[in-house]
Amino acid sequence: MAVPKRKTSKSRRDKRRATHGLEAPRVNTCPQCGSPKRAHRICPTCGTYKGREVEPLRIP
């Protein structure tokens, strides 16, 4: 019968179980276009945030 050589510490055990509580991200609807978007982010379809149109960052 296989037996562990060393005791698994509490932190190592809990790190392994940390992903058990993960869930899907919350999704809201955009008030401008009605498409689904994540909260506190620019709408990917119409490009608005808090009712204002936002320009994406220009990276050279």
PDB file of N, CA and C in Angstrom:
ATOM      1  N   MET A   1       0.841  -1.185   0.000  1.00  0.00           N
ATOM      2  CA  MET A   1       0.000   0.000   0.000  1.00  0.00           C
ATOM      3  C   MET A   1       0.878   1.237   0.000  1.00  0.00           C
ATOM      4  N   ALA A   2       0.547   2.232  -0.874  1.00  0.00           N
ATOM      5  CA  ALA A   2       1.350   3.441  -0.982  1.00  0.00           C
ATOM      6  C   ALA A   2       1.049   4.384   0.178  1.00  0.00           C
ATOM      7  N   VAL A   3       2.122   4.894   0.799  1.00  0.00           N
ATOM      8  CA  VAL A   3       1.989   5.807   1.929  1.00  0.00           C
ATOM      9  C   VAL A   3       2.855   7.028   1.647  1.00  0.00           C
ATOM     10  N   PRO A   4       2.355   8.258   1.891  1.00  0.00           N
ATOM     11  CA  PRO A   4       3.170   9.448   1.664  1.00  0.00           C
ATOM     12  C   PRO A   4       4.396   9.455   2.574  1.00  0.00           C
ATOM     13  N   LYS A   5       5.515   9.940   2.018  1.00  0.00           N
ATOM     14  CA  LYS A   5       6.746   9.981   2.802  1.00  0.00           C
ATOM     15  C   LYS A   5       6.739  11.126   3.794  1.00  0.00           C
ATOM     16  N   ARG A   6       6.102  12.250   3.423  1.00  0.00           N
ATOM     17  CA  ARG A   6       6.045  13.427   4.286  1.00  0.00           C
ATOM     18  C   ARG A   6       4.604  13.885   4.436  1.00  0.00           C
ATOM     19  N   LYS A   7       4.337  14.577   5.540  1.00  0.00           N
ATOM     20  CA  LYS A   7       3.003  15.118   5.782  1.00  0.00           C
ATOM     21  C   LYS A   7       2.767  16.303   4.843  1.00  0.00           C
ATOM     22  N   THR A   8       1.581  16.367   4.240  1.00  0.00           N
ATOM     23  CA  THR A   8       1.215  17.505   3.404  1.00  0.00           C
ATOM     24  C   THR A   8       0.827  18.658   4.320  1.00  0.00           C
ATOM     25  N   SER A   9       1.509  19.793   4.145  1.00  0.00           N
ATOM     26  CA  SER A   9       1.238  20.938   5.019  1.00  0.00           C
ATOM     27  C   SER A   9      -0.139  21.527   4.719  1.00  0.00           C
ATOM     28  N   LYS A  10      -0.657  22.303   5.667  1.00  0.00           N
ATOM     29  CA  LYS A  10      -1.980  22.910   5.499  1.00  0.00           C
ATOM     30  C   LYS A  10      -1.996  23.879   4.327  1.00  0.00           C
ATOM     31  N   SER A  11      -0.910  24.653   4.167  1.00  0.00           N
ATOM     32  CA  SER A  11      -0.879  25.626   3.078  1.00  0.00           C
ATOM     33  C   SER A  11      -0.835  24.927   1.723  1.00  0.00           C
ATOM     34  N   ARG A  12      -0.079  23.852   1.598  1.00  0.00           N
ATOM     35  CA  ARG A  12      -0.010  23.121   0.337  1.00  0.00           C
ATOM     36  C   ARG A  12      -1.356  22.472   0.017  1.00  0.00           C
ATOM     37  N   ARG A  13      -1.996  21.920   1.031  1.00  0.00           N
ATOM     38  CA  ARG A  13      -3.303  21.307   0.851  1.00  0.00           C
ATOM     39  C   ARG A  13      -4.339  22.346   0.417  1.00  0.00           C
ATOM     40  N   ASP A  14      -4.322  23.518   1.065  1.00  0.00           N
ATOM     41  CA  ASP A  14      -5.305  24.548   0.756  1.00  0.00           C
ATOM     42  C   ASP A  14      -5.039  25.204  -0.597  1.00  0.00           C
ATOM     43  N   LYS A  15      -3.763  25.300  -1.006  1.00  0.00           N
ATOM     44  CA  LYS A  15      -3.453  25.844  -2.330  1.00  0.00           C
ATOM     45  C   LYS A  15      -4.032  24.942  -3.417  1.00  0.00           C
ATOM     46  N   ARG A  16      -4.003  23.667  -3.191  1.00  0.00           N
ATOM     47  CA  ARG A  16      -4.530  22.717  -4.160  1.00  0.00           C
ATOM     48  C   ARG A  16      -6.050  22.865  -4.286  1.00  0.00           C
ATOM     49  N   ARG A  17      -6.706  23.177  -3.181  1.00  0.00           N
ATOM     50  CA  ARG A  17      -8.164  23.288  -3.184  1.00  0.00           C
ATOM     51  C   ARG A  17      -8.650  24.699  -3.494  1.00  0.00           C
ATOM     52  N   ALA A  18      -7.770  25.634  -3.755  1.00  0.00           N
ATOM     53  CA  ALA A  18      -8.160  27.028  -3.961  1.00  0.00           C
ATOM     54  C   ALA A  18      -9.012  27.201  -5.211  1.00  0.00           C
ATOM     55  N   THR A  19      -8.818  26.363  -6.225  1.00  0.00           N
ATOM     56  CA  THR A  19      -9.558  26.527  -7.476  1.00  0.00           C
ATOM     57  C   THR A  19     -10.940  25.896  -7.422  1.00  0.00           C
ATOM     58  N   HIS A  20     -11.291  25.241  -6.343  1.00  0.00           N
ATOM     59  CA  HIS A  20     -12.598  24.596  -6.264  1.00  0.00           C
ATOM     60  C   HIS A  20     -13.721  25.621  -6.247  1.00  0.00           C
ATOM     61  N   GLY A  21     -13.467  26.816  -5.728  1.00  0.00           N
ATOM     62  CA  GLY A  21     -14.507  27.817  -5.610  1.00  0.00           C
ATOM     63  C   GLY A  21     -14.641  28.742  -6.798  1.00  0.00           C
ATOM     64  N   LEU A  22     -13.912  28.515  -7.897  1.00  0.00           N
ATOM     65  CA  LEU A  22     -13.978  29.385  -9.067  1.00  0.00           C
ATOM     66  C   LEU A  22     -15.339  29.299  -9.727  1.00  0.00           C
ATOM     67  N   GLU A  23     -15.807  30.406 -10.244  1.00  0.00           N
ATOM     68  CA  GLU A  23     -17.063  30.435 -10.973  1.00  0.00           C
ATOM     69  C   GLU A  23     -16.918  31.322 -12.202  1.00  0.00           C
ATOM     70  N   ALA A  24     -17.891  31.282 -13.073  1.00  0.00           N
ATOM     71  CA  ALA A  24     -17.854  32.064 -14.307  1.00  0.00           C
ATOM     72  C   ALA A  24     -17.976  33.555 -13.974  1.00  0.00           C
ATOM     73  N   PRO A  25     -17.347  34.431 -14.785  1.00  0.00           N
ATOM     74  CA  PRO A  25     -17.434  35.865 -14.510  1.00  0.00           C
ATOM     75  C   PRO A  25     -18.853  36.386 -14.697  1.00  0.00           C
ATOM     76  N   ARG A  26     -19.210  37.397 -13.908  1.00  0.00           N
ATOM     77  CA  ARG A  26     -20.539  38.005 -14.004  1.00  0.00           C
ATOM     78  C   ARG A  26     -20.624  38.829 -15.290  1.00  0.00           C
ATOM     79  N   VAL A  27     -21.773  38.787 -15.922  1.00  0.00           N
ATOM     80  CA  VAL A  27     -21.960  39.495 -17.184  1.00  0.00           C
ATOM     81  C   VAL A  27     -23.175  40.414 -17.056  1.00  0.00           C
ATOM     82  N   ASN A  28     -23.013  41.687 -17.416  1.00  0.00           N
ATOM     83  CA  ASN A  28     -24.097  42.666 -17.442  1.00  0.00           C
ATOM     84  C   ASN A  28     -24.428  42.989 -18.885  1.00  0.00           C
ATOM     85  N   THR A  29     -25.517  43.714 -19.088  1.00  0.00           N
ATOM     86  CA  THR A  29     -25.854  44.163 -20.443  1.00  0.00           C
ATOM     87  C   THR A  29     -25.438  45.620 -20.602  1.00  0.00           C
ATOM     88  N   CYS A  30     -24.969  45.972 -21.762  1.00  0.00           N
ATOM     89  CA  CYS A  30     -24.559  47.343 -22.061  1.00  0.00           C
ATOM     90  C   CYS A  30     -25.814  48.205 -22.185  1.00  0.00           C
ATOM     91  N   PRO A  31     -25.873  49.354 -21.486  1.00  0.00           N
ATOM     92  CA  PRO A  31     -27.070  50.197 -21.595  1.00  0.00           C
ATOM     93  C   PRO A  31     -27.223  50.859 -22.963  1.00  0.00           C
ATOM     94  N   GLN A  32     -26.131  50.982 -23.722  1.00  0.00           N
ATOM     95  CA  GLN A  32     -26.195  51.630 -25.036  1.00  0.00           C
ATOM     96  C   GLN A  32     -26.693  50.664 -26.120  1.00  0.00           C
ATOM     97  N   CYS A  33     -26.010  49.505 -26.235  1.00  0.00           N
ATOM     98  CA  CYS A  33     -26.331  48.590 -27.339  1.00  0.00           C
ATOM     99  C   CYS A  33     -27.015  47.310 -26.885  1.00  0.00           C
ATOM    100  N   GLY A  34     -27.002  47.011 -25.569  1.00  0.00           N
ATOM    101  CA  GLY A  34     -27.693  45.830 -25.068  1.00  0.00           C
ATOM    102  C   GLY A  34     -26.913  44.535 -25.174  1.00  0.00           C
ATOM    103  N   SER A  35     -25.675  44.598 -25.653  1.00  0.00           N
ATOM    104  CA  SER A  35     -24.884  43.368 -25.761  1.00  0.00           C
ATOM    105  C   SER A  35     -24.276  43.022 -24.399  1.00  0.00           C
ATOM    106  N   PRO A  36     -23.944  41.756 -24.161  1.00  0.00           N
ATOM    107  CA  PRO A  36     -23.359  41.390 -22.870  1.00  0.00           C
ATOM    108  C   PRO A  36     -21.936  41.915 -22.729  1.00  0.00           C
ATOM    109  N   LYS A  37     -21.608  42.407 -21.527  1.00  0.00           N
ATOM    110  CA  LYS A  37     -20.253  42.886 -21.252  1.00  0.00           C
ATOM    111  C   LYS A  37     -19.958  42.681 -19.777  1.00  0.00           C
ATOM    112  N   ARG A  38     -18.683  42.659 -19.412  1.00  0.00           N
ATOM    113  CA  ARG A  38     -18.291  42.534 -18.017  1.00  0.00           C
ATOM    114  C   ARG A  38     -18.389  43.888 -17.335  1.00  0.00           C
ATOM    115  N   ALA A  39     -18.645  43.864 -16.029  1.00  0.00           N
ATOM    116  CA  ALA A  39     -18.842  45.096 -15.275  1.00  0.00           C
ATOM    117  C   ALA A  39     -17.543  45.902 -15.199  1.00  0.00           C
ATOM    118  N   HIS A  40     -17.662  47.221 -15.196  1.00  0.00           N
ATOM    119  CA  HIS A  40     -16.547  48.161 -15.057  1.00  0.00           C
ATOM    120  C   HIS A  40     -15.524  48.031 -16.178  1.00  0.00           C
ATOM    121  N   ARG A  41     -15.996  47.706 -17.383  1.00  0.00           N
ATOM    122  CA  ARG A  41     -15.115  47.603 -18.549  1.00  0.00           C
ATOM    123  C   ARG A  41     -15.794  48.248 -19.753  1.00  0.00           C
ATOM    124  N   ILE A  42     -14.995  48.610 -20.743  1.00  0.00           N
ATOM    125  CA  ILE A  42     -15.532  49.192 -21.973  1.00  0.00           C
ATOM    126  C   ILE A  42     -16.314  48.110 -22.712  1.00  0.00           C
ATOM    127  N   CYS A  43     -17.440  48.504 -23.300  1.00  0.00           N
ATOM    128  CA  CYS A  43     -18.235  47.564 -24.094  1.00  0.00           C
ATOM    129  C   CYS A  43     -17.427  47.180 -25.338  1.00  0.00           C
ATOM    130  N   PRO A  44     -17.241  45.893 -25.599  1.00  0.00           N
ATOM    131  CA  PRO A  44     -16.416  45.498 -26.751  1.00  0.00           C
ATOM    132  C   PRO A  44     -17.066  45.791 -28.100  1.00  0.00           C
ATOM    133  N   THR A  45     -18.392  45.931 -28.145  1.00  0.00           N
ATOM    134  CA  THR A  45     -19.048  46.152 -29.438  1.00  0.00           C
ATOM    135  C   THR A  45     -19.200  47.627 -29.770  1.00  0.00           C
ATOM    136  N   CYS A  46     -19.710  48.442 -28.827  1.00  0.00           N
ATOM    137  CA  CYS A  46     -19.947  49.862 -29.158  1.00  0.00           C
ATOM    138  C   CYS A  46     -18.853  50.785 -28.611  1.00  0.00           C
ATOM    139  N   GLY A  47     -18.000  50.324 -27.703  1.00  0.00           N
ATOM    140  CA  GLY A  47     -16.878  51.123 -27.216  1.00  0.00           C
ATOM    141  C   GLY A  47     -17.261  52.232 -26.252  1.00  0.00           C
ATOM    142  N   THR A  48     -18.334  52.046 -25.484  1.00  0.00           N
ATOM    143  CA  THR A  48     -18.743  53.067 -24.519  1.00  0.00           C
ATOM    144  C   THR A  48     -18.498  52.579 -23.097  1.00  0.00           C
ATOM    145  N   TYR A  49     -18.347  53.548 -22.189  1.00  0.00           N
ATOM    146  CA  TYR A  49     -18.208  53.260 -20.766  1.00  0.00           C
ATOM    147  C   TYR A  49     -18.894  54.368 -19.995  1.00  0.00           C
ATOM    148  N   LYS A  50     -19.839  54.034 -19.125  1.00  0.00           N
ATOM    149  CA  LYS A  50     -20.629  54.995 -18.341  1.00  0.00           C
ATOM    150  C   LYS A  50     -21.302  56.035 -19.232  1.00  0.00           C
ATOM    151  N   GLY A  51     -21.808  55.602 -20.381  1.00  0.00           N
ATOM    152  CA  GLY A  51     -22.529  56.494 -21.268  1.00  0.00           C
ATOM    153  C   GLY A  51     -21.671  57.356 -22.169  1.00  0.00           C
ATOM    154  N   ARG A  52     -20.342  57.277 -22.035  1.00  0.00           N
ATOM    155  CA  ARG A  52     -19.448  58.083 -22.885  1.00  0.00           C
ATOM    156  C   ARG A  52     -18.712  57.170 -23.850  1.00  0.00           C
ATOM    157  N   GLU A  53     -18.416  57.696 -25.029  1.00  0.00           N
ATOM    158  CA  GLU A  53     -17.631  56.928 -25.998  1.00  0.00           C
ATOM    159  C   GLU A  53     -16.152  57.048 -25.626  1.00  0.00           C
ATOM    160  N   VAL A  54     -15.474  55.934 -25.599  1.00  0.00           N
ATOM    161  CA  VAL A  54     -14.078  55.882 -25.155  1.00  0.00           C
ATOM    162  C   VAL A  54     -13.211  55.417 -26.308  1.00  0.00           C
ATOM    163  N   GLU A  55     -12.102  56.129 -26.506  1.00  0.00           N
ATOM    164  CA  GLU A  55     -11.135  55.718 -27.531  1.00  0.00           C
ATOM    165  C   GLU A  55     -10.217  54.656 -26.962  1.00  0.00           C
ATOM    166  N   PRO A  56      -9.965  53.580 -27.693  1.00  0.00           N
ATOM    167  CA  PRO A  56      -9.003  52.595 -27.210  1.00  0.00           C
ATOM    168  C   PRO A  56      -7.583  53.157 -27.238  1.00  0.00           C
ATOM    169  N   LEU A  57      -6.719  52.637 -26.379  1.00  0.00           N
ATOM    170  CA  LEU A  57      -5.330  53.094 -26.329  1.00  0.00           C
ATOM    171  C   LEU A  57      -4.616  52.745 -27.626  1.00  0.00           C
ATOM    172  N   ARG A  58      -3.853  53.709 -28.116  1.00  0.00           N
ATOM    173  CA  ARG A  58      -3.067  53.479 -29.324  1.00  0.00           C
ATOM    174  C   ARG A  58      -1.659  53.066 -28.924  1.00  0.00           C
ATOM    175  N   ILE A  59      -1.298  51.830 -29.182  1.00  0.00           N
ATOM    176  CA  ILE A  59       0.026  51.323 -28.839  1.00  0.00           C
ATOM    177  C   ILE A  59       0.837  51.202 -30.132  1.00  0.00           C
ATOM    178  N   PRO A  60       2.012  51.852 -30.166  1.00  0.00           N
ATOM    179  CA  PRO A  60       2.798  51.804 -31.424  1.00  0.00           C
ATOM    180  C   PRO A  60       3.375  50.442 -31.691  1.00  0.00           C
TER     181      PRO A  60
END
